[in-house]
Amino acid sequence: MILDAGFLISIDRSERTARTFLTAASRSETALHTTHPVVAQVWRNGSRQARLSAFLKSITIHPFEDGRPVGRLLAQTKTADIVDAHLVIIALRLGHNILTGDPNDLTTLTAMLGPAAPTIHAWP
């Protein structure tokens, strides 16, 4: 499962829904991922984000190394959010679903990918 910023914010705030999701993901052995650009969206002050910092150490974080495919997807969809497009490209590459608080923007991006498109799950 690829995690968008909304879920990471829920972790940082220690929201019960996030803890419940993590318990279920652990039980089902669901691998959790995000991207460095998503981390950049939520990271503000590491000394005040201990929960988020610890959580990020437990998941896979993918670097931004996909400028060309991200740019192509943005051009095809006539959109501009690099972070969202990168999240979709990583999900496509890994064959994972996406958990996001902003399903509409991601749905616009995934619509161009046809049947291979990752499934978008709304958070919370």
PDB file of N, CA and C in Angstrom:
ATOM      1  N   MET A   1       0.847  -1.171   0.000  1.00  0.00           N
ATOM      2  CA  MET A   1       0.000   0.000   0.000  1.00  0.00           C
ATOM      3  C   MET A   1       0.891   1.232   0.000  1.00  0.00           C
ATOM      4  N   ILE A   2       0.587   2.168  -0.880  1.00  0.00           N
ATOM      5  CA  ILE A   2       1.318   3.424  -0.962  1.00  0.00           C
ATOM      6  C   ILE A   2       0.540   4.475  -0.167  1.00  0.00           C
ATOM      7  N   LEU A   3       1.216   5.144   0.738  1.00  0.00           N
ATOM      8  CA  LEU A   3       0.569   6.091   1.649  1.00  0.00           C
ATOM      9  C   LEU A   3       0.809   7.527   1.205  1.00  0.00           C
ATOM     10  N   ASP A   4      -0.268   8.296   1.163  1.00  0.00           N
ATOM     11  CA  ASP A   4      -0.208   9.702   0.820  1.00  0.00           C
ATOM     12  C   ASP A   4      -0.087  10.528   2.104  1.00  0.00           C
ATOM     13  N   ALA A   5       0.018  11.816   1.964  1.00  0.00           N
ATOM     14  CA  ALA A   5       0.277  12.722   3.080  1.00  0.00           C
ATOM     15  C   ALA A   5      -0.778  12.653   4.186  1.00  0.00           C
ATOM     16  N   GLY A   6      -2.036  12.511   3.836  1.00  0.00           N
ATOM     17  CA  GLY A   6      -3.095  12.495   4.847  1.00  0.00           C
ATOM     18  C   GLY A   6      -2.895  11.420   5.897  1.00  0.00           C
ATOM     19  N   PHE A   7      -2.467  10.247   5.462  1.00  0.00           N
ATOM     20  CA  PHE A   7      -2.232   9.175   6.427  1.00  0.00           C
ATOM     21  C   PHE A   7      -1.037   9.504   7.314  1.00  0.00           C
ATOM     22  N   LEU A   8       0.025  10.041   6.734  1.00  0.00           N
ATOM     23  CA  LEU A   8       1.197  10.396   7.536  1.00  0.00           C
ATOM     24  C   LEU A   8       0.856  11.467   8.575  1.00  0.00           C
ATOM     25  N   ILE A   9      -0.014  12.385   8.219  1.00  0.00           N
ATOM     26  CA  ILE A   9      -0.469  13.393   9.180  1.00  0.00           C
ATOM     27  C   ILE A   9      -1.237  12.723  10.312  1.00  0.00           C
ATOM     28  N   SER A  10      -2.058  11.734   9.979  1.00  0.00           N
ATOM     29  CA  SER A  10      -2.796  10.996  11.013  1.00  0.00           C
ATOM     30  C   SER A  10      -1.852  10.267  11.959  1.00  0.00           C
ATOM     31  N   ILE A  11      -0.767   9.737  11.428  1.00  0.00           N
ATOM     32  CA  ILE A  11       0.249   9.094  12.267  1.00  0.00           C
ATOM     33  C   ILE A  11       0.881  10.124  13.195  1.00  0.00           C
ATOM     34  N   ASP A  12       1.249  11.259  12.627  1.00  0.00           N
ATOM     35  CA  ASP A  12       1.891  12.318  13.402  1.00  0.00           C
ATOM     36  C   ASP A  12       0.989  12.787  14.547  1.00  0.00           C
ATOM     37  N   ARG A  13      -0.308  12.791  14.307  1.00  0.00           N
ATOM     38  CA  ARG A  13      -1.278  13.229  15.325  1.00  0.00           C
ATOM     39  C   ARG A  13      -1.713  12.090  16.246  1.00  0.00           C
ATOM     40  N   SER A  14      -1.213  10.912  16.002  1.00  0.00           N
ATOM     41  CA  SER A  14      -1.555   9.720  16.778  1.00  0.00           C
ATOM     42  C   SER A  14      -3.065   9.460  16.794  1.00  0.00           C
ATOM     43  N   GLU A  15      -3.672   9.590  15.638  1.00  0.00           N
ATOM     44  CA  GLU A  15      -5.115   9.366  15.524  1.00  0.00           C
ATOM     45  C   GLU A  15      -5.435   7.878  15.619  1.00  0.00           C
ATOM     46  N   ARG A  16      -6.513   7.591  16.299  1.00  0.00           N
ATOM     47  CA  ARG A  16      -6.926   6.201  16.519  1.00  0.00           C
ATOM     48  C   ARG A  16      -7.157   5.471  15.204  1.00  0.00           C
ATOM     49  N   THR A  17      -7.731   6.145  14.209  1.00  0.00           N
ATOM     50  CA  THR A  17      -7.981   5.487  12.928  1.00  0.00           C
ATOM     51  C   THR A  17      -6.677   5.016  12.282  1.00  0.00           C
ATOM     52  N   ALA A  18      -5.620   5.798  12.435  1.00  0.00           N
ATOM     53  CA  ALA A  18      -4.319   5.405  11.879  1.00  0.00           C
ATOM     54  C   ALA A  18      -3.766   4.199  12.624  1.00  0.00           C
ATOM     55  N   ARG A  19      -3.882   4.210  13.937  1.00  0.00           N
ATOM     56  CA  ARG A  19      -3.393   3.063  14.718  1.00  0.00           C
ATOM     57  C   ARG A  19      -4.167   1.805  14.359  1.00  0.00           C
ATOM     58  N   THR A  20      -5.470   1.924  14.168  1.00  0.00           N
ATOM     59  CA  THR A  20      -6.301   0.778  13.789  1.00  0.00           C
ATOM     60  C   THR A  20      -5.877   0.252  12.419  1.00  0.00           C
ATOM     61  N   PHE A  21      -5.642   1.164  11.483  1.00  0.00           N
ATOM     62  CA  PHE A  21      -5.190   0.748  10.151  1.00  0.00           C
ATOM     63  C   PHE A  21      -3.855   0.018  10.234  1.00  0.00           C
ATOM     64  N   LEU A  22      -2.928   0.549  11.017  1.00  0.00           N
ATOM     65  CA  LEU A  22      -1.612  -0.086  11.142  1.00  0.00           C
ATOM     66  C   LEU A  22      -1.703  -1.480  11.742  1.00  0.00           C
ATOM     67  N   THR A  23      -2.599  -1.663  12.692  1.00  0.00           N
ATOM     68  CA  THR A  23      -2.798  -2.986  13.277  1.00  0.00           C
ATOM     69  C   THR A  23      -3.290  -3.960  12.208  1.00  0.00           C
ATOM     70  N   ALA A  24      -4.264  -3.512  11.414  1.00  0.00           N
ATOM     71  CA  ALA A  24      -4.803  -4.367  10.349  1.00  0.00           C
ATOM     72  C   ALA A  24      -3.740  -4.651   9.286  1.00  0.00           C
ATOM     73  N   ALA A  25      -2.959  -3.649   8.932  1.00  0.00           N
ATOM     74  CA  ALA A  25      -1.896  -3.844   7.928  1.00  0.00           C
ATOM     75  C   ALA A  25      -0.855  -4.831   8.432  1.00  0.00           C
ATOM     76  N   SER A  26      -0.532  -4.736   9.695  1.00  0.00           N
ATOM     77  CA  SER A  26       0.440  -5.658  10.280  1.00  0.00           C
ATOM     78  C   SER A  26      -0.093  -7.090  10.273  1.00  0.00           C
ATOM     79  N   ARG A  27      -1.343  -7.246  10.658  1.00  0.00           N
ATOM     80  CA  ARG A  27      -1.951  -8.590  10.688  1.00  0.00           C
ATOM     81  C   ARG A  27      -1.996  -9.222   9.306  1.00  0.00           C
ATOM     82  N   SER A  28      -2.254  -8.404   8.291  1.00  0.00           N
ATOM     83  CA  SER A  28      -2.347  -8.934   6.929  1.00  0.00           C
ATOM     84  C   SER A  28      -0.994  -8.901   6.206  1.00  0.00           C
ATOM     85  N   GLU A  29       0.044  -8.482   6.933  1.00  0.00           N
ATOM     86  CA  GLU A  29       1.397  -8.398   6.390  1.00  0.00           C
ATOM     87  C   GLU A  29       1.458  -7.518   5.138  1.00  0.00           C
ATOM     88  N   THR A  30       0.721  -6.417   5.170  1.00  0.00           N
ATOM     89  CA  THR A  30       0.708  -5.463   4.071  1.00  0.00           C
ATOM     90  C   THR A  30       1.942  -4.568   4.158  1.00  0.00           C
ATOM     91  N   ALA A  31       2.729  -4.574   3.114  1.00  0.00           N
ATOM     92  CA  ALA A  31       3.910  -3.708   3.061  1.00  0.00           C
ATOM     93  C   ALA A  31       3.460  -2.268   2.845  1.00  0.00           C
ATOM     94  N   LEU A  32       4.040  -1.343   3.605  1.00  0.00           N
ATOM     95  CA  LEU A  32       3.675   0.059   3.515  1.00  0.00           C
ATOM     96  C   LEU A  32       4.817   0.854   2.894  1.00  0.00           C
ATOM     97  N   HIS A  33       4.443   1.766   2.005  1.00  0.00           N
ATOM     98  CA  HIS A  33       5.407   2.572   1.261  1.00  0.00           C
ATOM     99  C   HIS A  33       4.909   4.013   1.206  1.00  0.00           C
ATOM    100  N   THR A  34       5.825   4.917   0.955  1.00  0.00           N
ATOM    101  CA  THR A  34       5.492   6.286   0.586  1.00  0.00           C
ATOM    102  C   THR A  34       6.639   6.805  -0.269  1.00  0.00           C
ATOM    103  N   THR A  35       6.631   8.093  -0.550  1.00  0.00           N
ATOM    104  CA  THR A  35       7.686   8.683  -1.370  1.00  0.00           C
ATOM    105  C   THR A  35       8.334   9.845  -0.626  1.00  0.00           C
ATOM    106  N   HIS A  36       9.553  10.170  -1.010  1.00  0.00           N
ATOM    107  CA  HIS A  36      10.236  11.314  -0.392  1.00  0.00           C
ATOM    108  C   HIS A  36       9.468  12.612  -0.604  1.00  0.00           C
ATOM    109  N   PRO A  37       8.879  12.866  -1.776  1.00  0.00           N
ATOM    110  CA  PRO A  37       8.094  14.088  -1.913  1.00  0.00           C
ATOM    111  C   PRO A  37       6.894  14.143  -0.948  1.00  0.00           C
ATOM    112  N   VAL A  38       6.260  13.015  -0.671  1.00  0.00           N
ATOM    113  CA  VAL A  38       5.160  13.003   0.300  1.00  0.00           C
ATOM    114  C   VAL A  38       5.697  13.329   1.688  1.00  0.00           C
ATOM    115  N   VAL A  39       6.835  12.753   2.040  1.00  0.00           N
ATOM    116  CA  VAL A  39       7.445  13.067   3.332  1.00  0.00           C
ATOM    117  C   VAL A  39       7.716  14.569   3.416  1.00  0.00           C
ATOM    118  N   ALA A  40       8.206  15.159   2.347  1.00  0.00           N
ATOM    119  CA  ALA A  40       8.483  16.598   2.344  1.00  0.00           C
ATOM    120  C   ALA A  40       7.219  17.420   2.584  1.00  0.00           C
ATOM    121  N   GLN A  41       6.072  16.915   2.133  1.00  0.00           N
ATOM    122  CA  GLN A  41       4.820  17.637   2.365  1.00  0.00           C
ATOM    123  C   GLN A  41       4.453  17.708   3.846  1.00  0.00           C
ATOM    124  N   VAL A  42       4.815  16.700   4.619  1.00  0.00           N
ATOM    125  CA  VAL A  42       4.350  16.636   6.014  1.00  0.00           C
ATOM    126  C   VAL A  42       5.438  16.933   7.046  1.00  0.00           C
ATOM    127  N   TRP A  43       6.694  16.912   6.643  1.00  0.00           N
ATOM    128  CA  TRP A  43       7.789  17.095   7.603  1.00  0.00           C
ATOM    129  C   TRP A  43       7.997  18.573   7.874  1.00  0.00           C
ATOM    130  N   ARG A  44       7.953  18.923   9.159  1.00  0.00           N
ATOM    131  CA  ARG A  44       8.150  20.315   9.539  1.00  0.00           C
ATOM    132  C   ARG A  44       9.207  20.499  10.617  1.00  0.00           C
ATOM    133  N   ASN A  45       9.134  19.710  11.676  1.00  0.00           N
ATOM    134  CA  ASN A  45      10.048  19.895  12.799  1.00  0.00           C
ATOM    135  C   ASN A  45      10.265  18.539  13.443  1.00  0.00           C
ATOM    136  N   GLY A  46      11.355  17.902  13.092  1.00  0.00           N
ATOM    137  CA  GLY A  46      11.626  16.549  13.560  1.00  0.00           C
ATOM    138  C   GLY A  46      11.585  16.396  15.063  1.00  0.00           C
ATOM    139  N   SER A  47      11.973  17.414  15.802  1.00  0.00           N
ATOM    140  CA  SER A  47      11.952  17.298  17.265  1.00  0.00           C
ATOM    141  C   SER A  47      10.527  17.245  17.805  1.00  0.00           C
ATOM    142  N   ARG A  48       9.564  17.667  17.009  1.00  0.00           N
ATOM    143  CA  ARG A  48       8.160  17.627  17.431  1.00  0.00           C
ATOM    144  C   ARG A  48       7.368  16.541  16.705  1.00  0.00           C
ATOM    145  N   GLN A  49       8.037  15.758  15.889  1.00  0.00           N
ATOM    146  CA  GLN A  49       7.356  14.741  15.092  1.00  0.00           C
ATOM    147  C   GLN A  49       7.942  13.358  15.367  1.00  0.00           C
ATOM    148  N   ALA A  50       8.085  13.038  16.623  1.00  0.00           N
ATOM    149  CA  ALA A  50       8.705  11.759  17.009  1.00  0.00           C
ATOM    150  C   ALA A  50       7.916  10.568  16.478  1.00  0.00           C
ATOM    151  N   ARG A  51       6.585  10.607  16.575  1.00  0.00           N
ATOM    152  CA  ARG A  51       5.774   9.478  16.082  1.00  0.00           C
ATOM    153  C   ARG A  51       5.964   9.294  14.579  1.00  0.00           C
ATOM    154  N   LEU A  52       5.909  10.404  13.857  1.00  0.00           N
ATOM    155  CA  LEU A  52       6.092  10.318  12.406  1.00  0.00           C
ATOM    156  C   LEU A  52       7.496   9.824  12.073  1.00  0.00           C
ATOM    157  N   SER A  53       8.483  10.336  12.762  1.00  0.00           N
ATOM    158  CA  SER A  53       9.869   9.918  12.526  1.00  0.00           C
ATOM    159  C   SER A  53      10.031   8.417  12.735  1.00  0.00           C
ATOM    160  N   ALA A  54       9.495   7.901  13.829  1.00  0.00           N
ATOM    161  CA  ALA A  54       9.588   6.462  14.112  1.00  0.00           C
ATOM    162  C   ALA A  54       8.844   5.657  13.050  1.00  0.00           C
ATOM    163  N   PHE A  55       7.680   6.120  12.651  1.00  0.00           N
ATOM    164  CA  PHE A  55       6.904   5.409  11.640  1.00  0.00           C
ATOM    165  C   PHE A  55       7.658   5.349  10.313  1.00  0.00           C
ATOM    166  N   LEU A  56       8.240   6.467   9.910  1.00  0.00           N
ATOM    167  CA  LEU A  56       8.949   6.504   8.633  1.00  0.00           C
ATOM    168  C   LEU A  56      10.121   5.532   8.594  1.00  0.00           C
ATOM    169  N   LYS A  57      10.696   5.240   9.741  1.00  0.00           N
ATOM    170  CA  LYS A  57      11.784   4.266   9.803  1.00  0.00           C
ATOM    171  C   LYS A  57      11.290   2.839   9.573  1.00  0.00           C
ATOM    172  N   SER A  58       9.973   2.629   9.693  1.00  0.00           N
ATOM    173  CA  SER A  58       9.417   1.283   9.589  1.00  0.00           C
ATOM    174  C   SER A  58       8.837   0.966   8.207  1.00  0.00           C
ATOM    175  N   ILE A  59       8.854   1.939   7.294  1.00  0.00           N
ATOM    176  CA  ILE A  59       8.278   1.716   5.967  1.00  0.00           C
ATOM    177  C   ILE A  59       9.325   1.990   4.895  1.00  0.00           C
ATOM    178  N   THR A  60       8.983   1.650   3.659  1.00  0.00           N
ATOM    179  CA  THR A  60       9.863   1.924   2.529  1.00  0.00           C
ATOM    180  C   THR A  60       9.515   3.293   1.960  1.00  0.00           C
ATOM    181  N   ILE A  61      10.536   4.136   1.805  1.00  0.00           N
ATOM    182  CA  ILE A  61      10.343   5.467   1.234  1.00  0.00           C
ATOM    183  C   ILE A  61      11.092   5.517  -0.096  1.00  0.00           C
ATOM    184  N   HIS A  62      10.360   5.819  -1.144  1.00  0.00           N
ATOM    185  CA  HIS A  62      10.928   5.816  -2.491  1.00  0.00           C
ATOM    186  C   HIS A  62      11.410   7.211  -2.876  1.00  0.00           C
ATOM    187  N   PRO A  63      12.642   7.310  -3.378  1.00  0.00           N
ATOM    188  CA  PRO A  63      13.166   8.614  -3.794  1.00  0.00           C
ATOM    189  C   PRO A  63      12.518   9.076  -5.095  1.00  0.00           C
ATOM    190  N   PHE A  64      12.670  10.344  -5.368  1.00  0.00           N
ATOM    191  CA  PHE A  64      12.174  10.889  -6.634  1.00  0.00           C
ATOM    192  C   PHE A  64      13.247  10.694  -7.693  1.00  0.00           C
ATOM    193  N   GLU A  65      13.057   9.668  -8.499  1.00  0.00           N
ATOM    194  CA  GLU A  65      13.990   9.361  -9.589  1.00  0.00           C
ATOM    195  C   GLU A  65      13.225   9.139 -10.894  1.00  0.00           C
ATOM    196  N   ASP A  66      12.038   9.684 -10.964  1.00  0.00           N
ATOM    197  CA  ASP A  66      11.132   9.356 -12.066  1.00  0.00           C
ATOM    198  C   ASP A  66      10.636  10.598 -12.799  1.00  0.00           C
ATOM    199  N   GLY A  67      11.510  11.561 -13.004  1.00  0.00           N
ATOM    200  CA  GLY A  67      11.101  12.819 -13.613  1.00  0.00           C
ATOM    201  C   GLY A  67      10.385  12.665 -14.950  1.00  0.00           C
ATOM    202  N   ARG A  68      10.904  11.825 -15.808  1.00  0.00           N
ATOM    203  CA  ARG A  68      10.298  11.702 -17.143  1.00  0.00           C
ATOM    204  C   ARG A  68       8.917  11.057 -17.110  1.00  0.00           C
ATOM    205  N   PRO A  69       8.745   9.901 -16.460  1.00  0.00           N
ATOM    206  CA  PRO A  69       7.384   9.342 -16.436  1.00  0.00           C
ATOM    207  C   PRO A  69       6.394  10.231 -15.685  1.00  0.00           C
ATOM    208  N   VAL A  70       6.857  10.904 -14.642  1.00  0.00           N
ATOM    209  CA  VAL A  70       5.978  11.826 -13.913  1.00  0.00           C
ATOM    210  C   VAL A  70       5.569  12.970 -14.833  1.00  0.00           C
ATOM    211  N   GLY A  71       6.525  13.529 -15.533  1.00  0.00           N
ATOM    212  CA  GLY A  71       6.227  14.614 -16.470  1.00  0.00           C
ATOM    213  C   GLY A  71       5.264  14.191 -17.566  1.00  0.00           C
ATOM    214  N   ARG A  72       5.470  12.973 -18.107  1.00  0.00           N
ATOM    215  CA  ARG A  72       4.550  12.475 -19.146  1.00  0.00           C
ATOM    216  C   ARG A  72       3.132  12.334 -18.605  1.00  0.00           C
ATOM    217  N   LEU A  73       3.013  11.780 -17.379  1.00  0.00           N
ATOM    218  CA  LEU A  73       1.680  11.613 -16.790  1.00  0.00           C
ATOM    219  C   LEU A  73       1.020  12.967 -16.560  1.00  0.00           C
ATOM    220  N   LEU A  74       1.776  13.941 -16.099  1.00  0.00           N
ATOM    221  CA  LEU A  74       1.219  15.283 -15.905  1.00  0.00           C
ATOM    222  C   LEU A  74       0.768  15.884 -17.227  1.00  0.00           C
ATOM    223  N   ALA A  75       1.560  15.702 -18.271  1.00  0.00           N
ATOM    224  CA  ALA A  75       1.181  16.221 -19.589  1.00  0.00           C
ATOM    225  C   ALA A  75      -0.085  15.545 -20.105  1.00  0.00           C
ATOM    226  N   GLN A  76      -0.159  14.224 -19.959  1.00  0.00           N
ATOM    227  CA  GLN A  76      -1.329  13.482 -20.443  1.00  0.00           C
ATOM    228  C   GLN A  76      -2.606  13.893 -19.720  1.00  0.00           C
ATOM    229  N   THR A  77      -2.492  14.201 -18.437  1.00  0.00           N
ATOM    230  CA  THR A  77      -3.681  14.518 -17.633  1.00  0.00           C
ATOM    231  C   THR A  77      -3.917  16.021 -17.512  1.00  0.00           C
ATOM    232  N   LYS A  78      -3.003  16.809 -18.059  1.00  0.00           N
ATOM    233  CA  LYS A  78      -3.096  18.271 -17.969  1.00  0.00           C
ATOM    234  C   LYS A  78      -3.241  18.721 -16.513  1.00  0.00           C
ATOM    235  N   THR A  79      -2.444  18.084 -15.648  1.00  0.00           N
ATOM    236  CA  THR A  79      -2.420  18.430 -14.230  1.00  0.00           C
ATOM    237  C   THR A  79      -1.006  18.887 -13.867  1.00  0.00           C
ATOM    238  N   ALA A  80      -0.819  19.319 -12.609  1.00  0.00           N
ATOM    239  CA  ALA A  80       0.476  19.904 -12.258  1.00  0.00           C
ATOM    240  C   ALA A  80       1.075  19.399 -10.952  1.00  0.00           C
ATOM    241  N   ASP A  81       0.390  18.529 -10.223  1.00  0.00           N
ATOM    242  CA  ASP A  81       0.888  18.126  -8.906  1.00  0.00           C
ATOM    243  C   ASP A  81       1.927  17.015  -9.048  1.00  0.00           C
ATOM    244  N   ILE A  82       3.183  17.397  -8.948  1.00  0.00           N
ATOM    245  CA  ILE A  82       4.298  16.464  -9.118  1.00  0.00           C
ATOM    246  C   ILE A  82       4.271  15.375  -8.043  1.00  0.00           C
ATOM    247  N   VAL A  83       3.936  15.752  -6.804  1.00  0.00           N
ATOM    248  CA  VAL A  83       3.926  14.785  -5.701  1.00  0.00           C
ATOM    249  C   VAL A  83       2.894  13.691  -5.962  1.00  0.00           C
ATOM    250  N   ASP A  84       1.691  14.089  -6.361  1.00  0.00           N
ATOM    251  CA  ASP A  84       0.645  13.096  -6.650  1.00  0.00           C
ATOM    252  C   ASP A  84       1.020  12.214  -7.833  1.00  0.00           C
ATOM    253  N   ALA A  85       1.546  12.816  -8.884  1.00  0.00           N
ATOM    254  CA  ALA A  85       1.927  12.028 -10.065  1.00  0.00           C
ATOM    255  C   ALA A  85       3.027  11.036  -9.724  1.00  0.00           C
ATOM    256  N   HIS A  86       3.980  11.456  -8.907  1.00  0.00           N
ATOM    257  CA  HIS A  86       5.050  10.541  -8.507  1.00  0.00           C
ATOM    258  C   HIS A  86       4.481   9.382  -7.693  1.00  0.00           C
ATOM    259  N   LEU A  87       3.556   9.673  -6.792  1.00  0.00           N
ATOM    260  CA  LEU A  87       2.921   8.628  -5.990  1.00  0.00           C
ATOM    261  C   LEU A  87       2.247   7.599  -6.898  1.00  0.00           C
ATOM    262  N   VAL A  88       1.556   8.063  -7.919  1.00  0.00           N
ATOM    263  CA  VAL A  88       0.875   7.168  -8.856  1.00  0.00           C
ATOM    264  C   VAL A  88       1.890   6.335  -9.643  1.00  0.00           C
ATOM    265  N   ILE A  89       2.969   6.945 -10.092  1.00  0.00           N
ATOM    266  CA  ILE A  89       3.997   6.206 -10.846  1.00  0.00           C
ATOM    267  C   ILE A  89       4.613   5.114  -9.981  1.00  0.00           C
ATOM    268  N   ILE A  90       4.894   5.420  -8.727  1.00  0.00           N
ATOM    269  CA  ILE A  90       5.468   4.410  -7.828  1.00  0.00           C
ATOM    270  C   ILE A  90       4.460   3.287  -7.588  1.00  0.00           C
ATOM    271  N   ALA A  91       3.211   3.638  -7.342  1.00  0.00           N
ATOM    272  CA  ALA A  91       2.177   2.612  -7.132  1.00  0.00           C
ATOM    273  C   ALA A  91       2.039   1.720  -8.361  1.00  0.00           C
ATOM    274  N   LEU A  92       2.068   2.312  -9.528  1.00  0.00           N
ATOM    275  CA  LEU A  92       1.978   1.546 -10.773  1.00  0.00           C
ATOM    276  C   LEU A  92       3.159   0.583 -10.887  1.00  0.00           C
ATOM    277  N   ARG A  93       4.347   1.069 -10.629  1.00  0.00           N
ATOM    278  CA  ARG A  93       5.546   0.245 -10.740  1.00  0.00           C
ATOM    279  C   ARG A  93       5.496  -0.933  -9.771  1.00  0.00           C
ATOM    280  N   LEU A  94       5.030  -0.676  -8.542  1.00  0.00           N
ATOM    281  CA  LEU A  94       5.010  -1.730  -7.526  1.00  0.00           C
ATOM    282  C   LEU A  94       3.764  -2.615  -7.587  1.00  0.00           C
ATOM    283  N   GLY A  95       2.753  -2.161  -8.304  1.00  0.00           N
ATOM    284  CA  GLY A  95       1.493  -2.898  -8.346  1.00  0.00           C
ATOM    285  C   GLY A  95       0.715  -2.777  -7.044  1.00  0.00           C
ATOM    286  N   HIS A  96       0.844  -1.648  -6.364  1.00  0.00           N
ATOM    287  CA  HIS A  96       0.188  -1.423  -5.072  1.00  0.00           C
ATOM    288  C   HIS A  96      -0.969  -0.437  -5.198  1.00  0.00           C
ATOM    289  N   ASN A  97      -1.885  -0.529  -4.241  1.00  0.00           N
ATOM    290  CA  ASN A  97      -2.963   0.436  -4.114  1.00  0.00           C
ATOM    291  C   ASN A  97      -2.445   1.690  -3.431  1.00  0.00           C
ATOM    292  N   ILE A  98      -3.254   2.762  -3.481  1.00  0.00           N
ATOM    293  CA  ILE A  98      -2.892   4.033  -2.859  1.00  0.00           C
ATOM    294  C   ILE A  98      -3.935   4.388  -1.806  1.00  0.00           C
ATOM    295  N   LEU A  99      -3.456   4.829  -0.647  1.00  0.00           N
ATOM    296  CA  LEU A  99      -4.320   5.326   0.425  1.00  0.00           C
ATOM    297  C   LEU A  99      -4.130   6.832   0.490  1.00  0.00           C
ATOM    298  N   THR A 100      -5.201   7.598   0.252  1.00  0.00           N
ATOM    299  CA  THR A 100      -5.085   9.042   0.150  1.00  0.00           C
ATOM    300  C   THR A 100      -6.283   9.770   0.742  1.00  0.00           C
ATOM    301  N   GLY A 101      -6.032  10.957   1.232  1.00  0.00           N
ATOM    302  CA  GLY A 101      -7.102  11.823   1.696  1.00  0.00           C
ATOM    303  C   GLY A 101      -7.668  12.657   0.563  1.00  0.00           C
ATOM    304  N   ASP A 102      -7.090  12.565  -0.619  1.00  0.00           N
ATOM    305  CA  ASP A 102      -7.511  13.364  -1.767  1.00  0.00           C
ATOM    306  C   ASP A 102      -7.720  12.472  -2.995  1.00  0.00           C
ATOM    307  N   PRO A 103      -8.742  11.610  -2.938  1.00  0.00           N
ATOM    308  CA  PRO A 103      -8.914  10.643  -4.031  1.00  0.00           C
ATOM    309  C   PRO A 103      -9.227  11.273  -5.386  1.00  0.00           C
ATOM    310  N   ASN A 104      -9.875  12.429  -5.417  1.00  0.00           N
ATOM    311  CA  ASN A 104     -10.263  13.022  -6.702  1.00  0.00           C
ATOM    312  C   ASN A 104      -9.064  13.363  -7.573  1.00  0.00           C
ATOM    313  N   ASP A 105      -8.049  14.003  -6.989  1.00  0.00           N
ATOM    314  CA  ASP A 105      -6.863  14.357  -7.779  1.00  0.00           C
ATOM    315  C   ASP A 105      -6.140  13.120  -8.284  1.00  0.00           C
ATOM    316  N   LEU A 106      -6.018  12.108  -7.433  1.00  0.00           N
ATOM    317  CA  LEU A 106      -5.316  10.893  -7.846  1.00  0.00           C
ATOM    318  C   LEU A 106      -6.116  10.110  -8.876  1.00  0.00           C
ATOM    319  N   THR A 107      -7.425  10.138  -8.782  1.00  0.00           N
ATOM    320  CA  THR A 107      -8.269   9.440  -9.755  1.00  0.00           C
ATOM    321  C   THR A 107      -8.082  10.035 -11.141  1.00  0.00           C
ATOM    322  N   THR A 108      -7.919  11.351 -11.216  1.00  0.00           N
ATOM    323  CA  THR A 108      -7.651  11.995 -12.506  1.00  0.00           C
ATOM    324  C   THR A 108      -6.364  11.441 -13.108  1.00  0.00           C
ATOM    325  N   LEU A 109      -5.359  11.266 -12.283  1.00  0.00           N
ATOM    326  CA  LEU A 109      -4.079  10.741 -12.766  1.00  0.00           C
ATOM    327  C   LEU A 109      -4.172   9.263 -13.155  1.00  0.00           C
ATOM    328  N   THR A 110      -4.831   8.460 -12.330  1.00  0.00           N
ATOM    329  CA  THR A 110      -4.894   7.024 -12.609  1.00  0.00           C
ATOM    330  C   THR A 110      -5.814   6.699 -13.780  1.00  0.00           C
ATOM    331  N   ALA A 111      -6.752   7.565 -14.084  1.00  0.00           N
ATOM    332  CA  ALA A 111      -7.677   7.310 -15.190  1.00  0.00           C
ATOM    333  C   ALA A 111      -6.938   7.127 -16.522  1.00  0.00           C
ATOM    334  N   MET A 112      -5.781   7.758 -16.661  1.00  0.00           N
ATOM    335  CA  MET A 112      -5.002   7.655 -17.898  1.00  0.00           C
ATOM    336  C   MET A 112      -4.273   6.319 -18.030  1.00  0.00           C
ATOM    337  N   LEU A 113      -4.236   5.545 -16.963  1.00  0.00           N
ATOM    338  CA  LEU A 113      -3.423   4.330 -16.957  1.00  0.00           C
ATOM    339  C   LEU A 113      -4.188   3.073 -17.347  1.00  0.00           C
ATOM    340  N   GLY A 114      -5.480   3.186 -17.530  1.00  0.00           N
ATOM    341  CA  GLY A 114      -6.278   2.039 -17.945  1.00  0.00           C
ATOM    342  C   GLY A 114      -6.348   0.963 -16.885  1.00  0.00           C
ATOM    343  N   PRO A 115      -6.472  -0.302 -17.301  1.00  0.00           N
ATOM    344  CA  PRO A 115      -6.683  -1.388 -16.348  1.00  0.00           C
ATOM    345  C   PRO A 115      -5.499  -1.639 -15.408  1.00  0.00           C
ATOM    346  N   ALA A 116      -4.325  -1.156 -15.750  1.00  0.00           N
ATOM    347  CA  ALA A 116      -3.158  -1.344 -14.885  1.00  0.00           C
ATOM    348  C   ALA A 116      -3.123  -0.338 -13.736  1.00  0.00           C
ATOM    349  N   ALA A 117      -4.031   0.613 -13.753  1.00  0.00           N
ATOM    350  CA  ALA A 117      -4.019   1.692 -12.760  1.00  0.00           C
ATOM    351  C   ALA A 117      -4.182   1.160 -11.344  1.00  0.00           C
ATOM    352  N   PRO A 118      -3.454   1.754 -10.408  1.00  0.00           N
ATOM    353  CA  PRO A 118      -3.632   1.359  -9.007  1.00  0.00           C
ATOM    354  C   PRO A 118      -5.017   1.751  -8.508  1.00  0.00           C
ATOM    355  N   THR A 119      -5.516   1.013  -7.547  1.00  0.00           N
ATOM    356  CA  THR A 119      -6.803   1.324  -6.916  1.00  0.00           C
ATOM    357  C   THR A 119      -6.573   2.413  -5.879  1.00  0.00           C
ATOM    358  N   ILE A 120      -7.472   3.377  -5.852  1.00  0.00           N
ATOM    359  CA  ILE A 120      -7.397   4.492  -4.912  1.00  0.00           C
ATOM    360  C   ILE A 120      -8.344   4.210  -3.755  1.00  0.00           C
ATOM    361  N   HIS A 121      -7.829   4.294  -2.535  1.00  0.00           N
ATOM    362  CA  HIS A 121      -8.637   4.145  -1.324  1.00  0.00           C
ATOM    363  C   HIS A 121      -8.628   5.458  -0.572  1.00  0.00           C
ATOM    364  N   ALA A 122      -9.813   5.941  -0.182  1.00  0.00           N
ATOM    365  CA  ALA A 122      -9.920   7.220   0.520  1.00  0.00           C
ATOM    366  C   ALA A 122      -9.535   7.063   1.981  1.00  0.00           C
ATOM    367  N   TRP A 123      -8.826   8.067   2.502  1.00  0.00           N
ATOM    368  CA  TRP A 123      -8.462   8.113   3.911  1.00  0.00           C
ATOM    369  C   TRP A 123      -9.054   9.361   4.505  1.00  0.00           C
ATOM    370  N   PRO A 124      -9.624   9.346   5.658  1.00  0.00           N
ATOM    371  CA  PRO A 124      -9.912   8.187   6.489  1.00  0.00           C
ATOM    372  C   PRO A 124     -11.148   7.496   6.090  1.00  0.00           C
TER     373      PRO A 124
END
